[in-house]
mmCIF file of all heavy atoms, coordinates in Angstrom:
data_MODEL
# 
_entry.id   MODEL 
# 
loop_
_atom_site.group_PDB 
_atom_site.id 
_atom_site.type_symbol 
_atom_site.label_atom_id 
_atom_site.label_alt_id 
_atom_site.label_comp_id 
_atom_site.label_asym_id 
_atom_site.label_entity_id 
_atom_site.label_seq_id 
_atom_site.pdbx_PDB_ins_code 
_atom_site.Cartn_x 
_atom_site.Cartn_y 
_atom_site.Cartn_z 
_atom_site.occupancy 
_atom_site.B_iso_or_equiv 
_atom_site.pdbx_formal_charge 
_atom_site.auth_seq_id 
_atom_site.auth_comp_id 
_atom_site.auth_asym_id 
_atom_site.auth_atom_id 
_atom_site.pdbx_PDB_model_num 
ATOM 1   N N   . LEU A 1 1  ? 5.502  2.472   0.267   1.00 0.00 ? 1  LEU A N   1 
ATOM 2   C CA  . LEU A 1 1  ? 5.224  3.842   -0.149  1.00 0.00 ? 1  LEU A CA  1 
ATOM 3   C C   . LEU A 1 1  ? 6.503  4.621   -0.453  1.00 0.00 ? 1  LEU A C   1 
ATOM 4   O O   . LEU A 1 1  ? 6.505  5.527   -1.287  1.00 0.00 ? 1  LEU A O   1 
ATOM 5   C CB  . LEU A 1 1  ? 4.428  4.564   0.948   1.00 0.00 ? 1  LEU A CB  1 
ATOM 6   C CG  . LEU A 1 1  ? 3.030  4.013   1.256   1.00 0.00 ? 1  LEU A CG  1 
ATOM 7   C CD1 . LEU A 1 1  ? 2.403  4.767   2.407   1.00 0.00 ? 1  LEU A CD1 1 
ATOM 8   C CD2 . LEU A 1 1  ? 2.143  4.084   0.025   1.00 0.00 ? 1  LEU A CD2 1 
ATOM 9   N N   . ASN A 1 2  ? 7.590  4.258   0.204   1.00 0.00 ? 2  ASN A N   1 
ATOM 10  C CA  . ASN A 1 2  ? 8.856  4.970   0.027   1.00 0.00 ? 2  ASN A CA  1 
ATOM 11  C C   . ASN A 1 2  ? 9.718  4.382   -1.087  1.00 0.00 ? 2  ASN A C   1 
ATOM 12  O O   . ASN A 1 2  ? 10.830 4.832   -1.302  1.00 0.00 ? 2  ASN A O   1 
ATOM 13  C CB  . ASN A 1 2  ? 9.651  4.966   1.339   1.00 0.00 ? 2  ASN A CB  1 
ATOM 14  C CG  . ASN A 1 2  ? 10.708 6.054   1.372   1.00 0.00 ? 2  ASN A CG  1 
ATOM 15  O OD1 . ASN A 1 2  ? 10.464 7.180   0.951   1.00 0.00 ? 2  ASN A OD1 1 
ATOM 16  N ND2 . ASN A 1 2  ? 11.882 5.710   1.863   1.00 0.00 ? 2  ASN A ND2 1 
ATOM 17  N N   . GLY A 1 3  ? 9.214  3.360   -1.774  1.00 0.00 ? 3  GLY A N   1 
ATOM 18  C CA  . GLY A 1 3  ? 9.982  2.772   -2.870  1.00 0.00 ? 3  GLY A CA  1 
ATOM 19  C C   . GLY A 1 3  ? 11.031 1.780   -2.439  1.00 0.00 ? 3  GLY A C   1 
ATOM 20  O O   . GLY A 1 3  ? 11.825 1.327   -3.262  1.00 0.00 ? 3  GLY A O   1 
ATOM 21  N N   . GLU A 1 4  ? 11.069 1.412   -1.148  1.00 0.00 ? 4  GLU A N   1 
ATOM 22  C CA  . GLU A 1 4  ? 12.062 0.455   -0.671  1.00 0.00 ? 4  GLU A CA  1 
ATOM 23  C C   . GLU A 1 4  ? 11.583 -0.984  -0.793  1.00 0.00 ? 4  GLU A C   1 
ATOM 24  O O   . GLU A 1 4  ? 12.349 -1.917  -0.540  1.00 0.00 ? 4  GLU A O   1 
ATOM 25  C CB  . GLU A 1 4  ? 12.433 0.760   0.784   1.00 0.00 ? 4  GLU A CB  1 
ATOM 26  C CG  . GLU A 1 4  ? 13.120 2.102   0.961   1.00 0.00 ? 4  GLU A CG  1 
ATOM 27  C CD  . GLU A 1 4  ? 13.638 2.276   2.380   1.00 0.00 ? 4  GLU A CD  1 
ATOM 28  O OE1 . GLU A 1 4  ? 14.242 1.329   2.920   1.00 0.00 ? 4  GLU A OE1 1 
ATOM 29  O OE2 . GLU A 1 4  ? 13.430 3.349   2.947   1.00 0.00 ? 4  GLU A OE2 1 
ATOM 30  N N   . ALA A 1 5  ? 10.327 -1.176  -1.152  1.00 0.00 ? 5  ALA A N   1 
ATOM 31  C CA  . ALA A 1 5  ? 9.770  -2.506  -1.362  1.00 0.00 ? 5  ALA A CA  1 
ATOM 32  C C   . ALA A 1 5  ? 8.849  -2.452  -2.574  1.00 0.00 ? 5  ALA A C   1 
ATOM 33  O O   . ALA A 1 5  ? 8.242  -1.417  -2.882  1.00 0.00 ? 5  ALA A O   1 
ATOM 34  C CB  . ALA A 1 5  ? 9.002  -2.979  -0.133  1.00 0.00 ? 5  ALA A CB  1 
ATOM 35  N N   . ASP A 1 6  ? 8.738  -3.584  -3.270  1.00 0.00 ? 6  ASP A N   1 
ATOM 36  C CA  . ASP A 1 6  ? 7.850  -3.685  -4.430  1.00 0.00 ? 6  ASP A CA  1 
ATOM 37  C C   . ASP A 1 6  ? 6.555  -4.400  -4.090  1.00 0.00 ? 6  ASP A C   1 
ATOM 38  O O   . ASP A 1 6  ? 5.536  -4.196  -4.756  1.00 0.00 ? 6  ASP A O   1 
ATOM 39  C CB  . ASP A 1 6  ? 8.542  -4.466  -5.554  1.00 0.00 ? 6  ASP A CB  1 
ATOM 40  C CG  . ASP A 1 6  ? 9.872  -3.859  -5.927  1.00 0.00 ? 6  ASP A CG  1 
ATOM 41  O OD1 . ASP A 1 6  ? 9.892  -2.679  -6.301  1.00 0.00 ? 6  ASP A OD1 1 
ATOM 42  O OD2 . ASP A 1 6  ? 10.900 -4.573  -5.838  1.00 0.00 ? 6  ASP A OD2 1 
ATOM 43  N N   . LEU A 1 7  ? 6.597  -5.248  -3.051  1.00 0.00 ? 7  LEU A N   1 
ATOM 44  C CA  . LEU A 1 7  ? 5.468  -6.112  -2.735  1.00 0.00 ? 7  LEU A CA  1 
ATOM 45  C C   . LEU A 1 7  ? 5.446  -6.381  -1.239  1.00 0.00 ? 7  LEU A C   1 
ATOM 46  O O   . LEU A 1 7  ? 6.487  -6.704  -0.651  1.00 0.00 ? 7  LEU A O   1 
ATOM 47  C CB  . LEU A 1 7  ? 5.620  -7.432  -3.515  1.00 0.00 ? 7  LEU A CB  1 
ATOM 48  C CG  . LEU A 1 7  ? 4.621  -8.553  -3.280  1.00 0.00 ? 7  LEU A CG  1 
ATOM 49  C CD1 . LEU A 1 7  ? 3.233  -8.148  -3.761  1.00 0.00 ? 7  LEU A CD1 1 
ATOM 50  C CD2 . LEU A 1 7  ? 5.091  -9.824  -4.002  1.00 0.00 ? 7  LEU A CD2 1 
ATOM 51  N N   . ILE A 1 8  ? 4.271  -6.232  -0.620  1.00 0.00 ? 8  ILE A N   1 
ATOM 52  C CA  . ILE A 1 8  ? 4.120  -6.508  0.809   1.00 0.00 ? 8  ILE A CA  1 
ATOM 53  C C   . ILE A 1 8  ? 2.843  -7.307  1.026   1.00 0.00 ? 8  ILE A C   1 
ATOM 54  O O   . ILE A 1 8  ? 1.962  -7.362  0.157   1.00 0.00 ? 8  ILE A O   1 
ATOM 55  C CB  . ILE A 1 8  ? 4.087  -5.211  1.661   1.00 0.00 ? 8  ILE A CB  1 
ATOM 56  C CG1 . ILE A 1 8  ? 2.893  -4.326  1.271   1.00 0.00 ? 8  ILE A CG1 1 
ATOM 57  C CG2 . ILE A 1 8  ? 5.398  -4.454  1.519   1.00 0.00 ? 8  ILE A CG2 1 
ATOM 58  C CD1 . ILE A 1 8  ? 2.735  -3.097  2.157   1.00 0.00 ? 8  ILE A CD1 1 
ATOM 59  N N   . GLU A 1 9  ? 2.714  -7.926  2.201   1.00 0.00 ? 9  GLU A N   1 
ATOM 60  C CA  . GLU A 1 9  ? 1.564  -8.786  2.479   1.00 0.00 ? 9  GLU A CA  1 
ATOM 61  C C   . GLU A 1 9  ? 0.932  -8.454  3.830   1.00 0.00 ? 9  GLU A C   1 
ATOM 62  O O   . GLU A 1 9  ? 1.444  -7.637  4.588   1.00 0.00 ? 9  GLU A O   1 
ATOM 63  C CB  . GLU A 1 9  ? 1.994  -10.253 2.476   1.00 0.00 ? 9  GLU A CB  1 
ATOM 64  C CG  . GLU A 1 9  ? 2.955  -10.627 3.612   1.00 0.00 ? 9  GLU A CG  1 
ATOM 65  C CD  . GLU A 1 9  ? 3.230  -12.115 3.707   1.00 0.00 ? 9  GLU A CD  1 
ATOM 66  O OE1 . GLU A 1 9  ? 2.574  -12.896 3.000   1.00 0.00 ? 9  GLU A OE1 1 
ATOM 67  O OE2 . GLU A 1 9  ? 4.105  -12.492 4.514   1.00 0.00 ? 9  GLU A OE2 1 
ATOM 68  N N   . ARG A 1 10 ? -0.221 -9.105  4.101   1.00 0.00 ? 10 ARG A N   1 
ATOM 69  C CA  . ARG A 1 10 ? -0.925 -9.026  5.380   1.00 0.00 ? 10 ARG A CA  1 
ATOM 70  C C   . ARG A 1 10 ? -1.282 -7.588  5.747   1.00 0.00 ? 10 ARG A C   1 
ATOM 71  O O   . ARG A 1 10 ? -0.972 -7.113  6.843   1.00 0.00 ? 10 ARG A O   1 
ATOM 72  C CB  . ARG A 1 10 ? -0.103 -9.667  6.487   1.00 0.00 ? 10 ARG A CB  1 
ATOM 73  C CG  . ARG A 1 10 ? 0.135  -11.158 6.310   1.00 0.00 ? 10 ARG A CG  1 
ATOM 74  C CD  . ARG A 1 10 ? -1.019 -11.993 6.789   1.00 0.00 ? 10 ARG A CD  1 
ATOM 75  N NE  . ARG A 1 10 ? -0.765 -13.424 6.680   1.00 0.00 ? 10 ARG A NE  1 
ATOM 76  C CZ  . ARG A 1 10 ? -1.570 -14.379 7.102   1.00 0.00 ? 10 ARG A CZ  1 
ATOM 77  N NH1 . ARG A 1 10 ? -2.720 -14.062 7.656   1.00 0.00 ? 10 ARG A NH1 1 
ATOM 78  N NH2 . ARG A 1 10 ? -1.266 -15.631 6.953   1.00 0.00 ? 10 ARG A NH2 1 
ATOM 79  N N   . LEU A 1 11 ? -1.958 -6.904  4.835   1.00 0.00 ? 11 LEU A N   1 
ATOM 80  C CA  . LEU A 1 11 ? -2.370 -5.529  5.093   1.00 0.00 ? 11 LEU A CA  1 
ATOM 81  C C   . LEU A 1 11 ? -3.644 -5.480  5.912   1.00 0.00 ? 11 LEU A C   1 
ATOM 82  O O   . LEU A 1 11 ? -4.497 -6.371  5.824   1.00 0.00 ? 11 LEU A O   1 
ATOM 83  C CB  . LEU A 1 11 ? -2.582 -4.789  3.773   1.00 0.00 ? 11 LEU A CB  1 
ATOM 84  C CG  . LEU A 1 11 ? -1.346 -4.633  2.884   1.00 0.00 ? 11 LEU A CG  1 
ATOM 85  C CD1 . LEU A 1 11 ? -1.720 -3.961  1.578   1.00 0.00 ? 11 LEU A CD1 1 
ATOM 86  C CD2 . LEU A 1 11 ? -0.282 -3.831  3.592   1.00 0.00 ? 11 LEU A CD2 1 
ATOM 87  N N   . GLU A 1 12 ? -3.779 -4.417  6.684   1.00 0.00 ? 12 GLU A N   1 
ATOM 88  C CA  . GLU A 1 12 ? -4.983 -4.163  7.468   1.00 0.00 ? 12 GLU A CA  1 
ATOM 89  C C   . GLU A 1 12 ? -5.773 -3.024  6.834   1.00 0.00 ? 12 GLU A C   1 
ATOM 90  O O   . GLU A 1 12 ? -5.298 -2.344  5.921   1.00 0.00 ? 12 GLU A O   1 
ATOM 91  C CB  . GLU A 1 12 ? -4.598 -3.848  8.909   1.00 0.00 ? 12 GLU A CB  1 
ATOM 92  C CG  . GLU A 1 12 ? -3.833 -4.982  9.582   1.00 0.00 ? 12 GLU A CG  1 
ATOM 93  C CD  . GLU A 1 12 ? -3.417 -4.658  10.998  1.00 0.00 ? 12 GLU A CD  1 
ATOM 94  O OE1 . GLU A 1 12 ? -3.821 -3.599  11.517  1.00 0.00 ? 12 GLU A OE1 1 
ATOM 95  O OE2 . GLU A 1 12 ? -2.677 -5.452  11.598  1.00 0.00 ? 12 GLU A OE2 1 
ATOM 96  N N   . ALA A 1 13 ? -7.000 -2.817  7.331   1.00 0.00 ? 13 ALA A N   1 
ATOM 97  C CA  . ALA A 1 13 ? -7.925 -1.886  6.693   1.00 0.00 ? 13 ALA A CA  1 
ATOM 98  C C   . ALA A 1 13 ? -7.343 -0.477  6.576   1.00 0.00 ? 13 ALA A C   1 
ATOM 99  O O   . ALA A 1 13 ? -7.465 0.172   5.529   1.00 0.00 ? 13 ALA A O   1 
ATOM 100 C CB  . ALA A 1 13 ? -9.237 -1.851  7.467   1.00 0.00 ? 13 ALA A CB  1 
ATOM 101 N N   . GLU A 1 14 ? -6.694 0.020   7.638   1.00 0.00 ? 14 GLU A N   1 
ATOM 102 C CA  . GLU A 1 14 ? -6.153 1.373   7.605   1.00 0.00 ? 14 GLU A CA  1 
ATOM 103 C C   . GLU A 1 14 ? -5.056 1.512   6.554   1.00 0.00 ? 14 GLU A C   1 
ATOM 104 O O   . GLU A 1 14 ? -4.956 2.530   5.855   1.00 0.00 ? 14 GLU A O   1 
ATOM 105 C CB  . GLU A 1 14 ? -5.585 1.760   8.979   1.00 0.00 ? 14 GLU A CB  1 
ATOM 106 C CG  . GLU A 1 14 ? -6.611 1.818   10.084  1.00 0.00 ? 14 GLU A CG  1 
ATOM 107 C CD  . GLU A 1 14 ? -6.781 0.493   10.787  1.00 0.00 ? 14 GLU A CD  1 
ATOM 108 O OE1 . GLU A 1 14 ? -6.308 -0.538  10.253  1.00 0.00 ? 14 GLU A OE1 1 
ATOM 109 O OE2 . GLU A 1 14 ? -7.380 0.463   11.864  1.00 0.00 ? 14 GLU A OE2 1 
ATOM 110 N N   . GLN A 1 15 ? -4.222 0.484   6.421   1.00 0.00 ? 15 GLN A N   1 
ATOM 111 C CA  . GLN A 1 15 ? -3.143 0.525   5.446   1.00 0.00 ? 15 GLN A CA  1 
ATOM 112 C C   . GLN A 1 15 ? -3.684 0.430   4.021   1.00 0.00 ? 15 GLN A C   1 
ATOM 113 O O   . GLN A 1 15 ? -3.170 1.076   3.109   1.00 0.00 ? 15 GLN A O   1 
ATOM 114 C CB  . GLN A 1 15 ? -2.150 -0.602  5.740   1.00 0.00 ? 15 GLN A CB  1 
ATOM 115 C CG  . GLN A 1 15 ? -1.459 -0.431  7.073   1.00 0.00 ? 15 GLN A CG  1 
ATOM 116 C CD  . GLN A 1 15 ? -1.191 -1.744  7.774   1.00 0.00 ? 15 GLN A CD  1 
ATOM 117 O OE1 . GLN A 1 15 ? -1.430 -2.818  7.235   1.00 0.00 ? 15 GLN A OE1 1 
ATOM 118 N NE2 . GLN A 1 15 ? -0.690 -1.653  8.997   1.00 0.00 ? 15 GLN A NE2 1 
ATOM 119 N N   . VAL A 1 16 ? -4.736 -0.373  3.845   1.00 0.00 ? 16 VAL A N   1 
ATOM 120 C CA  . VAL A 1 16 ? -5.388 -0.459  2.537   1.00 0.00 ? 16 VAL A CA  1 
ATOM 121 C C   . VAL A 1 16 ? -5.923 0.912   2.131   1.00 0.00 ? 16 VAL A C   1 
ATOM 122 O O   . VAL A 1 16 ? -5.743 1.362   0.988   1.00 0.00 ? 16 VAL A O   1 
ATOM 123 C CB  . VAL A 1 16 ? -6.530 -1.491  2.573   1.00 0.00 ? 16 VAL A CB  1 
ATOM 124 C CG1 . VAL A 1 16 ? -7.415 -1.377  1.331   1.00 0.00 ? 16 VAL A CG1 1 
ATOM 125 C CG2 . VAL A 1 16 ? -5.963 -2.899  2.686   1.00 0.00 ? 16 VAL A CG2 1 
ATOM 126 N N   . GLU A 1 17 ? -6.558 1.599   3.074   1.00 0.00 ? 17 GLU A N   1 
ATOM 127 C CA  . GLU A 1 17 ? -7.114 2.920   2.782   1.00 0.00 ? 17 GLU A CA  1 
ATOM 128 C C   . GLU A 1 17 ? -6.013 3.902   2.392   1.00 0.00 ? 17 GLU A C   1 
ATOM 129 O O   . GLU A 1 17 ? -6.150 4.692   1.448   1.00 0.00 ? 17 GLU A O   1 
ATOM 130 C CB  . GLU A 1 17 ? -7.882 3.436   4.000   1.00 0.00 ? 17 GLU A CB  1 
ATOM 131 C CG  . GLU A 1 17 ? -8.563 4.783   3.770   1.00 0.00 ? 17 GLU A CG  1 
ATOM 132 C CD  . GLU A 1 17 ? -9.332 5.251   4.999   1.00 0.00 ? 17 GLU A CD  1 
ATOM 133 O OE1 . GLU A 1 17 ? -9.302 4.538   6.030   1.00 0.00 ? 17 GLU A OE1 1 
ATOM 134 O OE2 . GLU A 1 17 ? -9.941 6.330   4.931   1.00 0.00 ? 17 GLU A OE2 1 
ATOM 135 N N   . THR A 1 18 ? -4.904 3.855   3.127   1.00 0.00 ? 18 THR A N   1 
ATOM 136 C CA  . THR A 1 18 ? -3.788 4.751   2.825   1.00 0.00 ? 18 THR A CA  1 
ATOM 137 C C   . THR A 1 18 ? -3.239 4.493   1.427   1.00 0.00 ? 18 THR A C   1 
ATOM 138 O O   . THR A 1 18 ? -3.007 5.420   0.647   1.00 0.00 ? 18 THR A O   1 
ATOM 139 C CB  . THR A 1 18 ? -2.680 4.573   3.868   1.00 0.00 ? 18 THR A CB  1 
ATOM 140 O OG1 . THR A 1 18 ? -3.161 4.989   5.141   1.00 0.00 ? 18 THR A OG1 1 
ATOM 141 C CG2 . THR A 1 18 ? -1.448 5.386   3.502   1.00 0.00 ? 18 THR A CG2 1 
ATOM 142 N N   . ILE A 1 19 ? -3.026 3.236   1.084   1.00 0.00 ? 19 ILE A N   1 
ATOM 143 C CA  . ILE A 1 19 ? -2.468 2.892   -0.226  1.00 0.00 ? 19 ILE A CA  1 
ATOM 144 C C   . ILE A 1 19 ? -3.431 3.285   -1.342  1.00 0.00 ? 19 ILE A C   1 
ATOM 145 O O   . ILE A 1 19 ? -3.018 3.809   -2.381  1.00 0.00 ? 19 ILE A O   1 
ATOM 146 C CB  . ILE A 1 19 ? -2.130 1.388   -0.273  1.00 0.00 ? 19 ILE A CB  1 
ATOM 147 C CG1 . ILE A 1 19 ? -0.944 1.094   0.652   1.00 0.00 ? 19 ILE A CG1 1 
ATOM 148 C CG2 . ILE A 1 19 ? -1.821 0.937   -1.695  1.00 0.00 ? 19 ILE A CG2 1 
ATOM 149 C CD1 . ILE A 1 19 ? -0.649 -0.378  0.839   1.00 0.00 ? 19 ILE A CD1 1 
ATOM 150 N N   . GLU A 1 20 ? -4.730 3.061   -1.115  1.00 0.00 ? 20 GLU A N   1 
ATOM 151 C CA  . GLU A 1 20 ? -5.718 3.435   -2.131  1.00 0.00 ? 20 GLU A CA  1 
ATOM 152 C C   . GLU A 1 20 ? -5.722 4.935   -2.389  1.00 0.00 ? 20 GLU A C   1 
ATOM 153 O O   . GLU A 1 20 ? -5.838 5.387   -3.535  1.00 0.00 ? 20 GLU A O   1 
ATOM 154 C CB  . GLU A 1 20 ? -7.105 2.960   -1.699  1.00 0.00 ? 20 GLU A CB  1 
ATOM 155 C CG  . GLU A 1 20 ? -7.308 1.457   -1.794  1.00 0.00 ? 20 GLU A CG  1 
ATOM 156 C CD  . GLU A 1 20 ? -8.663 1.018   -1.280  1.00 0.00 ? 20 GLU A CD  1 
ATOM 157 O OE1 . GLU A 1 20 ? -9.239 1.727   -0.421  1.00 0.00 ? 20 GLU A OE1 1 
ATOM 158 O OE2 . GLU A 1 20 ? -9.145 -0.044  -1.714  1.00 0.00 ? 20 GLU A OE2 1 
ATOM 159 N N   . LYS A 1 21 ? -5.595 5.732   -1.337  1.00 0.00 ? 21 LYS A N   1 
ATOM 160 C CA  . LYS A 1 21 ? -5.634 7.186   -1.484  1.00 0.00 ? 21 LYS A CA  1 
ATOM 161 C C   . LYS A 1 21 ? -4.332 7.761   -2.026  1.00 0.00 ? 21 LYS A C   1 
ATOM 162 O O   . LYS A 1 21 ? -4.311 8.864   -2.574  1.00 0.00 ? 21 LYS A O   1 
ATOM 163 C CB  . LYS A 1 21 ? -5.978 7.837   -0.140  1.00 0.00 ? 21 LYS A CB  1 
ATOM 164 C CG  . LYS A 1 21 ? -7.411 7.585   0.292   1.00 0.00 ? 21 LYS A CG  1 
ATOM 165 C CD  . LYS A 1 21 ? -7.730 8.260   1.614   1.00 0.00 ? 21 LYS A CD  1 
ATOM 166 C CE  . LYS A 1 21 ? -9.188 8.051   1.994   1.00 0.00 ? 21 LYS A CE  1 
ATOM 167 N NZ  . LYS A 1 21 ? -9.526 8.690   3.286   1.00 0.00 ? 21 LYS A NZ  1 
ATOM 168 N N   . THR A 1 22 ? -3.251 7.009   -1.864  1.00 0.00 ? 22 THR A N   1 
ATOM 169 C CA  . THR A 1 22 ? -1.953 7.503   -2.311  1.00 0.00 ? 22 THR A CA  1 
ATOM 170 C C   . THR A 1 22 ? -1.834 7.485   -3.827  1.00 0.00 ? 22 THR A C   1 
ATOM 171 O O   . THR A 1 22 ? -1.361 8.431   -4.447  1.00 0.00 ? 22 THR A O   1 
ATOM 172 C CB  . THR A 1 22 ? -0.823 6.661   -1.690  1.00 0.00 ? 22 THR A CB  1 
ATOM 173 O OG1 . THR A 1 22 ? -0.898 6.773   -0.276  1.00 0.00 ? 22 THR A OG1 1 
ATOM 174 C CG2 . THR A 1 22 ? 0.544  7.143   -2.166  1.00 0.00 ? 22 THR A CG2 1 
ATOM 175 N N   . GLY A 1 23 ? -2.231 6.394   -4.452  1.00 0.00 ? 23 GLY A N   1 
ATOM 176 C CA  . GLY A 1 23 ? -2.077 6.252   -5.892  1.00 0.00 ? 23 GLY A CA  1 
ATOM 177 C C   . GLY A 1 23 ? -0.697 5.744   -6.254  1.00 0.00 ? 23 GLY A C   1 
ATOM 178 O O   . GLY A 1 23 ? 0.274  5.907   -5.497  1.00 0.00 ? 23 GLY A O   1 
ATOM 179 N N   . GLY A 1 24 ? -0.600 5.098   -7.411  1.00 0.00 ? 24 GLY A N   1 
ATOM 180 C CA  . GLY A 1 24 ? 0.672  4.549   -7.860  1.00 0.00 ? 24 GLY A CA  1 
ATOM 181 C C   . GLY A 1 24 ? 0.929  3.142   -7.373  1.00 0.00 ? 24 GLY A C   1 
ATOM 182 O O   . GLY A 1 24 ? 2.029  2.612   -7.562  1.00 0.00 ? 24 GLY A O   1 
ATOM 183 N N   . PHE A 1 25 ? -0.098 2.523   -6.767  1.00 0.00 ? 25 PHE A N   1 
ATOM 184 C CA  . PHE A 1 25 ? 0.059  1.191   -6.209  1.00 0.00 ? 25 PHE A CA  1 
ATOM 185 C C   . PHE A 1 25 ? -1.157 0.329   -6.559  1.00 0.00 ? 25 PHE A C   1 
ATOM 186 O O   . PHE A 1 25 ? -2.224 0.834   -6.899  1.00 0.00 ? 25 PHE A O   1 
ATOM 187 C CB  . PHE A 1 25 ? 0.230  1.252   -4.688  1.00 0.00 ? 25 PHE A CB  1 
ATOM 188 C CG  . PHE A 1 25 ? 1.408  2.075   -4.254  1.00 0.00 ? 25 PHE A CG  1 
ATOM 189 C CD1 . PHE A 1 25 ? 1.246  3.412   -3.919  1.00 0.00 ? 25 PHE A CD1 1 
ATOM 190 C CD2 . PHE A 1 25 ? 2.675  1.524   -4.222  1.00 0.00 ? 25 PHE A CD2 1 
ATOM 191 C CE1 . PHE A 1 25 ? 2.334  4.185   -3.554  1.00 0.00 ? 25 PHE A CE1 1 
ATOM 192 C CE2 . PHE A 1 25 ? 3.766  2.288   -3.851  1.00 0.00 ? 25 PHE A CE2 1 
ATOM 193 C CZ  . PHE A 1 25 ? 3.603  3.624   -3.512  1.00 0.00 ? 25 PHE A CZ  1 
ATOM 194 N N   . GLN A 1 26 ? -0.978 -0.978  -6.438  1.00 0.00 ? 26 GLN A N   1 
ATOM 195 C CA  . GLN A 1 26 ? -2.050 -1.927  -6.680  1.00 0.00 ? 26 GLN A CA  1 
ATOM 196 C C   . GLN A 1 26 ? -2.332 -2.698  -5.390  1.00 0.00 ? 26 GLN A C   1 
ATOM 197 O O   . GLN A 1 26 ? -1.434 -2.899  -4.567  1.00 0.00 ? 26 GLN A O   1 
ATOM 198 C CB  . GLN A 1 26 ? -1.660 -2.937  -7.750  1.00 0.00 ? 26 GLN A CB  1 
ATOM 199 C CG  . GLN A 1 26 ? -1.105 -2.361  -9.038  1.00 0.00 ? 26 GLN A CG  1 
ATOM 200 C CD  . GLN A 1 26 ? -0.453 -3.448  -9.869  1.00 0.00 ? 26 GLN A CD  1 
ATOM 201 O OE1 . GLN A 1 26 ? -1.087 -4.438  -10.224 1.00 0.00 ? 26 GLN A OE1 1 
ATOM 202 N NE2 . GLN A 1 26 ? 0.827  -3.266  -10.177 1.00 0.00 ? 26 GLN A NE2 1 
ATOM 203 N N   . LEU A 1 27 ? -3.560 -3.165  -5.248  1.00 0.00 ? 27 LEU A N   1 
ATOM 204 C CA  . LEU A 1 27 ? -3.940 -4.028  -4.133  1.00 0.00 ? 27 LEU A CA  1 
ATOM 205 C C   . LEU A 1 27 ? -4.508 -5.328  -4.688  1.00 0.00 ? 27 LEU A C   1 
ATOM 206 O O   . LEU A 1 27 ? -5.301 -5.314  -5.640  1.00 0.00 ? 27 LEU A O   1 
ATOM 207 C CB  . LEU A 1 27 ? -4.983 -3.347  -3.245  1.00 0.00 ? 27 LEU A CB  1 
ATOM 208 C CG  . LEU A 1 27 ? -4.486 -2.173  -2.407  1.00 0.00 ? 27 LEU A CG  1 
ATOM 209 C CD1 . LEU A 1 27 ? -5.657 -1.392  -1.824  1.00 0.00 ? 27 LEU A CD1 1 
ATOM 210 C CD2 . LEU A 1 27 ? -3.567 -2.667  -1.284  1.00 0.00 ? 27 LEU A CD2 1 
# 
């Protein structure tokens, strides 16, 4: 989310929800 990484793995439900609501990212 802070732009220090381009790709991450092993996400959990809460993190998926956060990324979906943030925008600017893909899952």
